[in-house]
PDB file of N, CA and C in Angstrom:
ATOM      1  N   UNK A   1       0.961  -1.386   0.118  1.00  0.00           N
ATOM      2  CA  UNK A   1      -0.007  -0.086  -0.337  1.00  0.00           C
ATOM      3  C   UNK A   1       0.563   1.332   0.038  1.00  0.00           C
ATOM      4  N   UNK A   2       0.479   2.883  -0.564  1.00  0.00           N
ATOM      5  CA  UNK A   2       1.679   3.818  -0.587  1.00  0.00           C
ATOM      6  C   UNK A   2       0.837   4.265   0.458  1.00  0.00           C
ATOM      7  N   UNK A   3       1.859   5.436   0.812  1.00  0.00           N
ATOM      8  CA  UNK A   3       1.795   6.150   1.702  1.00  0.00           C
ATOM      9  C   UNK A   3       0.250   6.982   1.544  1.00  0.00           C
ATOM     10  N   UNK A   4      -0.319   7.754   0.817  1.00  0.00           N
ATOM     11  CA  UNK A   4      -1.473   8.390   0.817  1.00  0.00           C
ATOM     12  C   UNK A   4      -2.446   6.566   1.236  1.00  0.00           C
ATOM     13  N   UNK A   5      -2.466   5.305   0.482  1.00  0.00           N
ATOM     14  CA  UNK A   5      -3.170   4.351   1.269  1.00  0.00           C
ATOM     15  C   UNK A   5      -3.338   4.776   2.654  1.00  0.00           C
ATOM     16  N   UNK A   6      -1.934   4.461   3.535  1.00  0.00           N
ATOM     17  CA  UNK A   6      -1.884   3.656   4.901  1.00  0.00           C
ATOM     18  C   UNK A   6      -2.665   4.935   5.427  1.00  0.00           C
ATOM     19  N   UNK A   7      -2.998   6.906   5.117  1.00  0.00           N
ATOM     20  CA  UNK A   7      -3.477   7.688   5.726  1.00  0.00           C
ATOM     21  C   UNK A   7      -4.341   8.084   5.495  1.00  0.00           C
ATOM     22  N   UNK A   8      -5.171   7.717   3.521  1.00  0.00           N
ATOM     23  CA  UNK A   8      -6.379   7.098   4.756  1.00  0.00           C
ATOM     24  C   UNK A   8      -7.265   6.190   5.453  1.00  0.00           C
ATOM     25  N   UNK A   9      -6.410   5.060   4.912  1.00  0.00           N
ATOM     26  CA  UNK A   9      -6.844   4.321   5.788  1.00  0.00           C
ATOM     27  C   UNK A   9      -7.473   4.898   8.222  1.00  0.00           C
ATOM     28  N   UNK A  10      -5.832   5.232   8.097  1.00  0.00           N
ATOM     29  CA  UNK A  10      -5.425   5.861   8.678  1.00  0.00           C
ATOM     30  C   UNK A  10      -7.056   7.318   9.688  1.00  0.00           C
ATOM     31  N   UNK A  11      -6.764   7.915   8.578  1.00  0.00           N
ATOM     32  CA  UNK A  11      -7.878   9.270   8.869  1.00  0.00           C
ATOM     33  C   UNK A  11      -9.831   7.534   9.547  1.00  0.00           C
ATOM     34  N   UNK A  12     -10.225   7.369   8.041  1.00  0.00           N
ATOM     35  CA  UNK A  12     -11.179   6.436   7.661  1.00  0.00           C
ATOM     36  C   UNK A  12     -11.796   5.942   9.558  1.00  0.00           C
ATOM     37  N   UNK A  13     -10.497   5.212   9.712  1.00  0.00           N
ATOM     38  CA  UNK A  13     -10.594   4.843  11.499  1.00  0.00           C
ATOM     39  C   UNK A  13     -10.275   5.828  12.279  1.00  0.00           C
ATOM     40  N   UNK A  14      -9.726   6.898  12.535  1.00  0.00           N
ATOM     41  CA  UNK A  14     -10.121   7.520  13.296  1.00  0.00           C
ATOM     42  C   UNK A  14     -11.415   8.458  13.403  1.00  0.00           C
ATOM     43  N   UNK A  15     -12.189   8.022  12.243  1.00  0.00           N
ATOM     44  CA  UNK A  15     -13.416   9.027  12.214  1.00  0.00           C
ATOM     45  C   UNK A  15     -14.655   8.311  12.918  1.00  0.00           C
ATOM     46  N   UNK A  16     -14.251   6.179  12.415  1.00  0.00           N
ATOM     47  CA  UNK A  16     -15.021   5.480  12.954  1.00  0.00           C
ATOM     48  C   UNK A  16     -14.715   5.253  14.775  1.00  0.00           C
ATOM     49  N   UNK A  17     -13.646   5.339  15.122  1.00  0.00           N
ATOM     50  CA  UNK A  17     -13.809   5.398  16.835  1.00  0.00           C
ATOM     51  C   UNK A  17     -14.131   6.171  16.850  1.00  0.00           C
ATOM     52  N   UNK A  18     -13.624   7.511  16.314  1.00  0.00           N
ATOM     53  CA  UNK A  18     -14.084   8.694  17.411  1.00  0.00           C
ATOM     54  C   UNK A  18     -15.908   8.556  17.541  1.00  0.00           C
ATOM     55  N   UNK A  19     -17.085   8.341  16.323  1.00  0.00           N
ATOM     56  CA  UNK A  19     -18.034   7.737  16.289  1.00  0.00           C
ATOM     57  C   UNK A  19     -18.888   7.012  17.089  1.00  0.00           C
ATOM     58  N   UNK A  20     -17.688   5.664  17.162  1.00  0.00           N
ATOM     59  CA  UNK A  20     -18.542   4.830  17.615  1.00  0.00           C
ATOM     60  C   UNK A  20     -18.363   5.417  19.934  1.00  0.00           C
ATOM     61  N   UNK A  21     -16.988   5.982  20.341  1.00  0.00           N
ATOM     62  CA  UNK A  21     -16.538   6.545  21.799  1.00  0.00           C
ATOM     63  C   UNK A  21     -17.413   6.740  21.506  1.00  0.00           C
ATOM     64  N   UNK A  22     -18.211   8.284  21.043  1.00  0.00           N
ATOM     65  CA  UNK A  22     -18.695   9.051  21.225  1.00  0.00           C
ATOM     66  C   UNK A  22     -21.106   8.487  21.854  1.00  0.00           C
ATOM     67  N   UNK A  23     -21.132   7.840  21.178  1.00  0.00           N
ATOM     68  CA  UNK A  23     -21.587   6.345  20.757  1.00  0.00           C
ATOM     69  C   UNK A  23     -21.662   5.559  22.372  1.00  0.00           C
ATOM     70  N   UNK A  24     -21.005   5.409  22.361  1.00  0.00           N
ATOM     71  CA  UNK A  24     -20.936   4.736  23.731  1.00  0.00           C
ATOM     72  C   UNK A  24     -21.349   5.437  25.100  1.00  0.00           C
ATOM     73  N   UNK A  25     -21.664   7.322  24.984  1.00  0.00           N
ATOM     74  CA  UNK A  25     -21.749   7.685  25.503  1.00  0.00           C
ATOM     75  C   UNK A  25     -23.548   7.474  26.026  1.00  0.00           C
ATOM     76  N   UNK A  26     -24.716   7.460  27.198  1.00  0.00           N
ATOM     77  CA  UNK A  26     -25.648   7.225  26.926  1.00  0.00           C
ATOM     78  C   UNK A  26     -26.461   8.070  26.168  1.00  0.00           C
ATOM     79  N   UNK A  27     -26.407   9.840  26.688  1.00  0.00           N
ATOM     80  CA  UNK A  27     -26.450  11.259  25.893  1.00  0.00           C
ATOM     81  C   UNK A  27     -26.547  10.892  25.017  1.00  0.00           C
ATOM     82  N   UNK A  28     -25.833  11.147  23.730  1.00  0.00           N
ATOM     83  CA  UNK A  28     -25.232  10.754  22.538  1.00  0.00           C
ATOM     84  C   UNK A  28     -25.977   9.730  22.009  1.00  0.00           C
ATOM     85  N   UNK A  29     -25.976   8.531  22.777  1.00  0.00           N
ATOM     86  CA  UNK A  29     -26.815   7.629  21.785  1.00  0.00           C
ATOM     87  C   UNK A  29     -28.161   8.034  21.901  1.00  0.00           C
ATOM     88  N   UNK A  30     -29.047   8.824  23.139  1.00  0.00           N
ATOM     89  CA  UNK A  30     -30.094   8.102  22.559  1.00  0.00           C
ATOM     90  C   UNK A  30     -30.704   9.228  21.617  1.00  0.00           C
ATOM     91  N   UNK A  31     -29.312  10.583  21.138  1.00  0.00           N
ATOM     92  CA  UNK A  31     -29.589  11.160  19.746  1.00  0.00           C
ATOM     93  C   UNK A  31     -29.526  10.995  19.124  1.00  0.00           C
ATOM     94  N   UNK A  32     -29.423   9.803  19.081  1.00  0.00           N
ATOM     95  CA  UNK A  32     -29.056   9.177  17.269  1.00  0.00           C
ATOM     96  C   UNK A  32     -30.426   7.958  17.346  1.00  0.00           C
ATOM     97  N   UNK A  33     -29.971   7.273  18.639  1.00  0.00           N
ATOM     98  CA  UNK A  33     -31.906   5.807  18.646  1.00  0.00           C
ATOM     99  C   UNK A  33     -32.334   6.298  19.502  1.00  0.00           C
ATOM    100  N   UNK A  34     -33.631   5.651  19.224  1.00  0.00           N
ATOM    101  CA  UNK A  34     -34.795   6.664  20.093  1.00  0.00           C
ATOM    102  C   UNK A  34     -34.800   5.643  21.521  1.00  0.00           C
ATOM    103  N   UNK A  35     -33.891   4.273  21.713  1.00  0.00           N
ATOM    104  CA  UNK A  35     -34.177   3.195  22.733  1.00  0.00           C
ATOM    105  C   UNK A  35     -32.609   3.120  23.285  1.00  0.00           C
ATOM    106  N   UNK A  36     -32.613   3.086  24.618  1.00  0.00           N
ATOM    107  CA  UNK A  36     -31.875   3.546  25.635  1.00  0.00           C
ATOM    108  C   UNK A  36     -30.945   2.046  25.055  1.00  0.00           C
ATOM    109  N   UNK A  37     -29.180   2.526  25.106  1.00  0.00           N
ATOM    110  CA  UNK A  37     -29.388   1.452  25.266  1.00  0.00           C
ATOM    111  C   UNK A  37     -29.136   0.515  26.955  1.00  0.00           C
ATOM    112  N   UNK A  38     -27.567  -1.109  26.636  1.00  0.00           N
ATOM    113  CA  UNK A  38     -27.703  -1.851  27.408  1.00  0.00           C
ATOM    114  C   UNK A  38     -27.396  -1.326  28.155  1.00  0.00           C
ATOM    115  N   UNK A  39     -26.517  -1.297  29.360  1.00  0.00           N
ATOM    116  CA  UNK A  39     -24.603  -1.284  29.466  1.00  0.00           C
ATOM    117  C   UNK A  39     -23.285  -2.700  28.743  1.00  0.00           C
ATOM    118  N   UNK A  40     -23.866  -3.747  28.631  1.00  0.00           N
ATOM    119  CA  UNK A  40     -22.726  -4.227  27.653  1.00  0.00           C
ATOM    120  C   UNK A  40     -23.275  -3.281  26.046  1.00  0.00           C
ATOM    121  N   UNK A  41     -24.092  -3.145  25.626  1.00  0.00           N
ATOM    122  CA  UNK A  41     -23.676  -2.510  23.980  1.00  0.00           C
ATOM    123  C   UNK A  41     -22.651  -1.656  24.380  1.00  0.00           C
ATOM    124  N   UNK A  42     -22.833  -0.683  25.395  1.00  0.00           N
ATOM    125  CA  UNK A  42     -21.911   1.035  25.428  1.00  0.00           C
ATOM    126  C   UNK A  42     -20.855  -0.093  26.007  1.00  0.00           C
ATOM    127  N   UNK A  43     -20.303  -1.043  26.597  1.00  0.00           N
ATOM    128  CA  UNK A  43     -18.656  -0.899  26.470  1.00  0.00           C
ATOM    129  C   UNK A  43     -18.159  -1.416  25.387  1.00  0.00           C
ATOM    130  N   UNK A  44     -19.095  -2.328  24.719  1.00  0.00           N
ATOM    131  CA  UNK A  44     -18.572  -2.752  23.293  1.00  0.00           C
ATOM    132  C   UNK A  44     -18.465  -1.618  22.649  1.00  0.00           C
ATOM    133  N   UNK A  45     -19.378  -0.902  22.133  1.00  0.00           N
ATOM    134  CA  UNK A  45     -18.874   0.390  21.400  1.00  0.00           C
ATOM    135  C   UNK A  45     -17.732   0.932  21.577  1.00  0.00           C
ATOM    136  N   UNK A  46     -17.330   1.423  23.399  1.00  0.00           N
ATOM    137  CA  UNK A  46     -15.873   2.116  23.675  1.00  0.00           C
ATOM    138  C   UNK A  46     -15.268   1.085  23.762  1.00  0.00           C
ATOM    139  N   UNK A  47     -15.544  -0.383  23.667  1.00  0.00           N
ATOM    140  CA  UNK A  47     -13.283  -1.626  23.638  1.00  0.00           C
ATOM    141  C   UNK A  47     -13.461  -0.918  21.843  1.00  0.00           C
ATOM    142  N   UNK A  48     -14.656  -0.920  21.168  1.00  0.00           N
ATOM    143  CA  UNK A  48     -14.505  -1.184  20.096  1.00  0.00           C
ATOM    144  C   UNK A  48     -13.457   0.447  19.069  1.00  0.00           C
ATOM    145  N   UNK A  49     -14.216   1.350  19.887  1.00  0.00           N
ATOM    146  CA  UNK A  49     -13.375   2.750  19.579  1.00  0.00           C
ATOM    147  C   UNK A  49     -12.302   3.189  19.790  1.00  0.00           C
ATOM    148  N   UNK A  50     -12.026   2.280  20.908  1.00  0.00           N
ATOM    149  CA  UNK A  50     -10.262   2.452  21.685  1.00  0.00           C
ATOM    150  C   UNK A  50      -9.613   1.528  20.522  1.00  0.00           C
ATOM    151  N   UNK A  51     -10.373   0.448  20.213  1.00  0.00           N
ATOM    152  CA  UNK A  51      -9.028  -0.695  19.139  1.00  0.00           C
ATOM    153  C   UNK A  51      -9.052  -0.214  18.465  1.00  0.00           C
ATOM    154  N   UNK A  52     -10.120   0.228  17.888  1.00  0.00           N
ATOM    155  CA  UNK A  52     -10.166   1.939  16.157  1.00  0.00           C
ATOM    156  C   UNK A  52      -9.691   2.295  16.613  1.00  0.00           C
ATOM    157  N   UNK A  53      -8.866   3.580  17.773  1.00  0.00           N
ATOM    158  CA  UNK A  53      -7.443   4.545  17.708  1.00  0.00           C
ATOM    159  C   UNK A  53      -6.744   3.069  17.652  1.00  0.00           C
ATOM    160  N   UNK A  54      -6.015   2.456  17.978  1.00  0.00           N
ATOM    161  CA  UNK A  54      -4.567   2.318  18.070  1.00  0.00           C
ATOM    162  C   UNK A  54      -4.282   1.610  16.443  1.00  0.00           C
ATOM    163  N   UNK A  55      -5.821   1.148  15.982  1.00  0.00           N
ATOM    164  CA  UNK A  55      -5.057   0.539  13.994  1.00  0.00           C
ATOM    165  C   UNK A  55      -5.299   1.965  13.861  1.00  0.00           C
ATOM    166  N   UNK A  56      -5.628   2.832  14.128  1.00  0.00           N
ATOM    167  CA  UNK A  56      -5.017   4.295  13.402  1.00  0.00           C
ATOM    168  C   UNK A  56      -3.978   4.830  13.369  1.00  0.00           C
ATOM    169  N   UNK A  57      -3.190   4.921  14.914  1.00  0.00           N
ATOM    170  CA  UNK A  57      -2.121   4.883  15.155  1.00  0.00           C
ATOM    171  C   UNK A  57      -1.304   4.077  14.271  1.00  0.00           C
ATOM    172  N   UNK A  58      -1.682   2.336  13.955  1.00  0.00           N
ATOM    173  CA  UNK A  58      -0.838   1.888  13.216  1.00  0.00           C
ATOM    174  C   UNK A  58      -1.068   1.950  11.773  1.00  0.00           C
ATOM    175  N   UNK A  59      -1.493   2.592  11.082  1.00  0.00           N
ATOM    176  CA  UNK A  59      -1.661   2.866  10.057  1.00  0.00           C
ATOM    177  C   UNK A  59      -0.836   4.643  10.030  1.00  0.00           C
ATOM    178  N   UNK A  60      -0.894   5.236  10.896  1.00  0.00           N
ATOM    179  CA  UNK A  60      -0.051   5.870  10.646  1.00  0.00           C
ATOM    180  C   UNK A  60       1.051   5.716  10.979  1.00  0.00           C
ATOM    181  N   UNK A  61       1.567   5.001  11.910  1.00  0.00           N
ATOM    182  CA  UNK A  61       3.025   4.366  11.310  1.00  0.00           C
ATOM    183  C   UNK A  61       3.516   3.834  10.565  1.00  0.00           C
ATOM    184  N   UNK A  62       3.076   2.699  10.093  1.00  0.00           N
ATOM    185  CA  UNK A  62       3.416   2.812   9.253  1.00  0.00           C
ATOM    186  C   UNK A  62       2.917   3.595   7.622  1.00  0.00           C
ATOM    187  N   UNK A  63       2.592   4.053   7.402  1.00  0.00           N
ATOM    188  CA  UNK A  63       2.757   6.339   6.840  1.00  0.00           C
ATOM    189  C   UNK A  63       3.969   6.825   7.078  1.00  0.00           C
ATOM    190  N   UNK A  64       4.300   7.123   7.686  1.00  0.00           N
ATOM    191  CA  UNK A  64       5.429   8.059   7.942  1.00  0.00           C
ATOM    192  C   UNK A  64       6.639   7.175   8.584  1.00  0.00           C
ATOM    193  N   UNK A  65       7.142   7.867   9.595  1.00  0.00           N
ATOM    194  CA  UNK A  65       8.427   7.925  10.501  1.00  0.00           C
ATOM    195  C   UNK A  65       7.781   8.218  11.605  1.00  0.00           C
ATOM    196  N   UNK A  66       8.310   8.157  12.674  1.00  0.00           N
ATOM    197  CA  UNK A  66       7.459   7.840  14.229  1.00  0.00           C
ATOM    198  C   UNK A  66       7.045   9.574  14.882  1.00  0.00           C
ATOM    199  N   UNK A  67       7.960  10.449  14.404  1.00  0.00           N
ATOM    200  CA  UNK A  67       8.120  11.340  13.827  1.00  0.00           C
ATOM    201  C   UNK A  67       6.768  12.375  14.634  1.00  0.00           C
ATOM    202  N   UNK A  68       6.649  12.063  12.193  1.00  0.00           N
ATOM    203  CA  UNK A  68       6.045  12.432  11.952  1.00  0.00           C
ATOM    204  C   UNK A  68       4.338  12.406  12.061  1.00  0.00           C
ATOM    205  N   UNK A  69       4.744  10.714  11.992  1.00  0.00           N
ATOM    206  CA  UNK A  69       3.525   9.696  11.965  1.00  0.00           C
ATOM    207  C   UNK A  69       2.356  10.421  13.487  1.00  0.00           C
ATOM    208  N   UNK A  70       2.953  10.565  14.455  1.00  0.00           N
ATOM    209  CA  UNK A  70       2.777  11.174  16.019  1.00  0.00           C
ATOM    210  C   UNK A  70       2.694  12.018  15.665  1.00  0.00           C
ATOM    211  N   UNK A  71       2.751  13.318  15.058  1.00  0.00           N
ATOM    212  CA  UNK A  71       1.846  14.828  14.623  1.00  0.00           C
ATOM    213  C   UNK A  71       1.057  14.634  14.048  1.00  0.00           C
ATOM    214  N   UNK A  72       1.112  13.871  12.521  1.00  0.00           N
ATOM    215  CA  UNK A  72      -0.290  13.326  11.620  1.00  0.00           C
ATOM    216  C   UNK A  72      -1.745  12.560  12.257  1.00  0.00           C
ATOM    217  N   UNK A  73      -1.525  11.286  13.200  1.00  0.00           N
ATOM    218  CA  UNK A  73      -1.755  11.290  14.139  1.00  0.00           C
ATOM    219  C   UNK A  73      -2.924  11.961  15.119  1.00  0.00           C
ATOM    220  N   UNK A  74      -2.487  12.526  15.838  1.00  0.00           N
ATOM    221  CA  UNK A  74      -2.531  14.035  16.716  1.00  0.00           C
ATOM    222  C   UNK A  74      -3.663  14.620  15.815  1.00  0.00           C
ATOM    223  N   UNK A  75      -3.616  15.238  15.266  1.00  0.00           N
ATOM    224  CA  UNK A  75      -4.498  15.891  13.743  1.00  0.00           C
ATOM    225  C   UNK A  75      -5.208  15.101  13.503  1.00  0.00           C
ATOM    226  N   UNK A  76      -5.845  14.355  12.976  1.00  0.00           N
ATOM    227  CA  UNK A  76      -6.294  13.399  12.409  1.00  0.00           C
ATOM    228  C   UNK A  76      -7.464  12.994  13.300  1.00  0.00           C
ATOM    229  N   UNK A  77      -6.634  12.480  15.226  1.00  0.00           N
ATOM    230  CA  UNK A  77      -7.969  13.197  16.103  1.00  0.00           C
ATOM    231  C   UNK A  77      -8.709  14.214  16.746  1.00  0.00           C
ATOM    232  N   UNK A  78      -7.898  15.341  16.959  1.00  0.00           N
ATOM    233  CA  UNK A  78      -8.355  17.172  16.181  1.00  0.00           C
ATOM    234  C   UNK A  78      -9.811  15.786  14.893  1.00  0.00           C
ATOM    235  N   UNK A  79      -9.174  16.141  13.889  1.00  0.00           N
ATOM    236  CA  UNK A  79     -10.029  16.392  12.686  1.00  0.00           C
ATOM    237  C   UNK A  79     -11.363  15.458  13.025  1.00  0.00           C
ATOM    238  N   UNK A  80     -11.621  15.072  13.750  1.00  0.00           N
ATOM    239  CA  UNK A  80     -11.836  13.025  13.377  1.00  0.00           C
ATOM    240  C   UNK A  80     -13.531  13.904  14.285  1.00  0.00           C
ATOM    241  N   UNK A  81     -12.344  14.060  15.874  1.00  0.00           N
ATOM    242  CA  UNK A  81     -13.497  14.207  17.093  1.00  0.00           C
ATOM    243  C   UNK A  81     -14.508  15.101  16.462  1.00  0.00           C
ATOM    244  N   UNK A  82     -13.882  16.685  15.794  1.00  0.00           N
ATOM    245  CA  UNK A  82     -14.571  17.615  15.577  1.00  0.00           C
ATOM    246  C   UNK A  82     -15.805  17.513  14.592  1.00  0.00           C
ATOM    247  N   UNK A  83     -15.485  16.585  13.834  1.00  0.00           N
ATOM    248  CA  UNK A  83     -16.931  16.172  11.939  1.00  0.00           C
ATOM    249  C   UNK A  83     -17.741  15.276  13.233  1.00  0.00           C
ATOM    250  N   UNK A  84     -16.828  14.512  13.993  1.00  0.00           N
ATOM    251  CA  UNK A  84     -18.250  13.722  14.838  1.00  0.00           C
ATOM    252  C   UNK A  84     -18.997  14.706  15.977  1.00  0.00           C
ATOM    253  N   UNK A  85     -18.156  16.437  16.029  1.00  0.00           N
ATOM    254  CA  UNK A  85     -18.970  16.520  17.154  1.00  0.00           C
ATOM    255  C   UNK A  85     -19.564  17.701  16.473  1.00  0.00           C
ATOM    256  N   UNK A  86     -19.823  18.004  14.995  1.00  0.00           N
ATOM    257  CA  UNK A  86     -20.353  18.504  14.000  1.00  0.00           C
ATOM    258  C   UNK A  86     -21.676  17.607  14.125  1.00  0.00           C
ATOM    259  N   UNK A  87     -21.880  16.784  13.700  1.00  0.00           N
ATOM    260  CA  UNK A  87     -22.735  16.302  13.265  1.00  0.00           C
ATOM    261  C   UNK A  87     -23.461  15.441  14.511  1.00  0.00           C
ATOM    262  N   UNK A  88     -23.349  15.510  16.057  1.00  0.00           N
ATOM    263  CA  UNK A  88     -24.033  15.415  16.903  1.00  0.00           C
ATOM    264  C   UNK A  88     -25.035  16.377  16.626  1.00  0.00           C
ATOM    265  N   UNK A  89     -23.588  17.708  16.578  1.00  0.00           N
ATOM    266  CA  UNK A  89     -25.024  18.813  16.637  1.00  0.00           C
ATOM    267  C   UNK A  89     -26.300  18.911  16.098  1.00  0.00           C
ATOM    268  N   UNK A  90     -25.521  18.497  14.646  1.00  0.00           N
ATOM    269  CA  UNK A  90     -27.158  18.632  13.798  1.00  0.00           C
ATOM    270  C   UNK A  90     -27.022  17.648  12.785  1.00  0.00           C
ATOM    271  N   UNK A  91     -27.297  16.857  12.631  1.00  0.00           N
ATOM    272  CA  UNK A  91     -28.060  15.495  11.952  1.00  0.00           C
ATOM    273  C   UNK A  91     -27.154  14.438  12.608  1.00  0.00           C
ATOM    274  N   UNK A  92     -27.693  13.980  14.181  1.00  0.00           N
ATOM    275  CA  UNK A  92     -27.693  13.288  14.888  1.00  0.00           C
ATOM    276  C   UNK A  92     -27.362  11.726  14.290  1.00  0.00           C
ATOM    277  N   UNK A  93     -28.260  10.871  13.318  1.00  0.00           N
ATOM    278  CA  UNK A  93     -29.465  10.035  13.125  1.00  0.00           C
ATOM    279  C   UNK A  93     -28.239   9.586  12.160  1.00  0.00           C
ATOM    280  N   UNK A  94     -26.984  10.746  11.667  1.00  0.00           N
ATOM    281  CA  UNK A  94     -25.944  10.270  10.532  1.00  0.00           C
ATOM    282  C   UNK A  94     -25.153   9.132  10.783  1.00  0.00           C
ATOM    283  N   UNK A  95     -25.402   9.197  12.421  1.00  0.00           N
ATOM    284  CA  UNK A  95     -24.350   7.832  13.088  1.00  0.00           C
ATOM    285  C   UNK A  95     -24.588   6.512  13.031  1.00  0.00           C
ATOM    286  N   UNK A  96     -25.620   6.811  12.789  1.00  0.00           N
ATOM    287  CA  UNK A  96     -26.183   4.935  12.427  1.00  0.00           C
ATOM    288  C   UNK A  96     -25.683   4.247  11.522  1.00  0.00           C
ATOM    289  N   UNK A  97     -26.162   4.569  10.832  1.00  0.00           N
ATOM    290  CA  UNK A  97     -24.628   4.257   9.448  1.00  0.00           C
ATOM    291  C   UNK A  97     -23.587   3.674   9.900  1.00  0.00           C
ATOM    292  N   UNK A  98     -22.352   3.999  11.112  1.00  0.00           N
ATOM    293  CA  UNK A  98     -21.375   3.251  11.578  1.00  0.00           C
ATOM    294  C   UNK A  98     -21.603   2.399  13.088  1.00  0.00           C
ATOM    295  N   UNK A  99     -22.849   2.905  12.955  1.00  0.00           N
ATOM    296  CA  UNK A  99     -22.991   1.588  14.410  1.00  0.00           C
ATOM    297  C   UNK A  99     -23.772  -0.132  13.762  1.00  0.00           C
ATOM    298  N   UNK A 100     -22.384  -1.095  13.420  1.00  0.00           N
ATOM    299  CA  UNK A 100     -23.176  -2.697  13.252  1.00  0.00           C
ATOM    300  C   UNK A 100     -24.129  -3.315  14.174  1.00  0.00           C
ATOM    301  N   UNK A 101     -24.612  -4.090  13.962  1.00  0.00           N
ATOM    302  CA  UNK A 101     -26.079  -4.948  14.257  1.00  0.00           C
ATOM    303  C   UNK A 101     -25.789  -5.068  15.184  1.00  0.00           C
ATOM    304  N   UNK A 102     -24.816  -6.458  15.342  1.00  0.00           N
ATOM    305  CA  UNK A 102     -24.108  -6.361  17.069  1.00  0.00           C
ATOM    306  C   UNK A 102     -23.784  -5.500  17.901  1.00  0.00           C
ATOM    307  N   UNK A 103     -23.775  -4.689  17.443  1.00  0.00           N
ATOM    308  CA  UNK A 103     -23.757  -3.519  18.542  1.00  0.00           C
ATOM    309  C   UNK A 103     -25.295  -2.925  19.722  1.00  0.00           C
ATOM    310  N   UNK A 104     -25.824  -3.103  18.453  1.00  0.00           N
ATOM    311  CA  UNK A 104     -27.038  -2.033  18.342  1.00  0.00           C
ATOM    312  C   UNK A 104     -28.847  -3.178  18.067  1.00  0.00           C
ATOM    313  N   UNK A 105     -28.313  -4.338  19.349  1.00  0.00           N
ATOM    314  CA  UNK A 105     -29.309  -5.291  19.512  1.00  0.00           C
ATOM    315  C   UNK A 105     -30.419  -5.170  19.969  1.00  0.00           C
ATOM    316  N   UNK A 106     -30.843  -3.541  20.110  1.00  0.00           N
ATOM    317  CA  UNK A 106     -31.937  -3.938  20.631  1.00  0.00           C
ATOM    318  C   UNK A 106     -32.969  -2.701  20.240  1.00  0.00           C
ATOM    319  N   UNK A 107     -32.141  -1.579  19.424  1.00  0.00           N
ATOM    320  CA  UNK A 107     -32.481  -0.751  18.893  1.00  0.00           C
ATOM    321  C   UNK A 107     -33.231  -0.588  17.316  1.00  0.00           C
TER     322      UNK A 107
END
């Protein structure tokens, strides 16, 4: 894979992970889904979010040398978190498409 492909993978994984981390909070979950989530569902979302951030960091490290990769990864995290915050404030139901069915058993 080329450097650009690794960076795109890091960006998409960071965005997806930030979305999962946001949905792991009950208040954000209720903005997106009408029913409340169970504790195991929220824990799975939180674990998937943290694992996705780790994958994003690895993709960044593969793309660049470590000092540049850390800088790029931190900037990607800032961009992803701001994007998710804007989606939650304007159109929270758009986050339904990033939530796989095994996370939302009762939604």
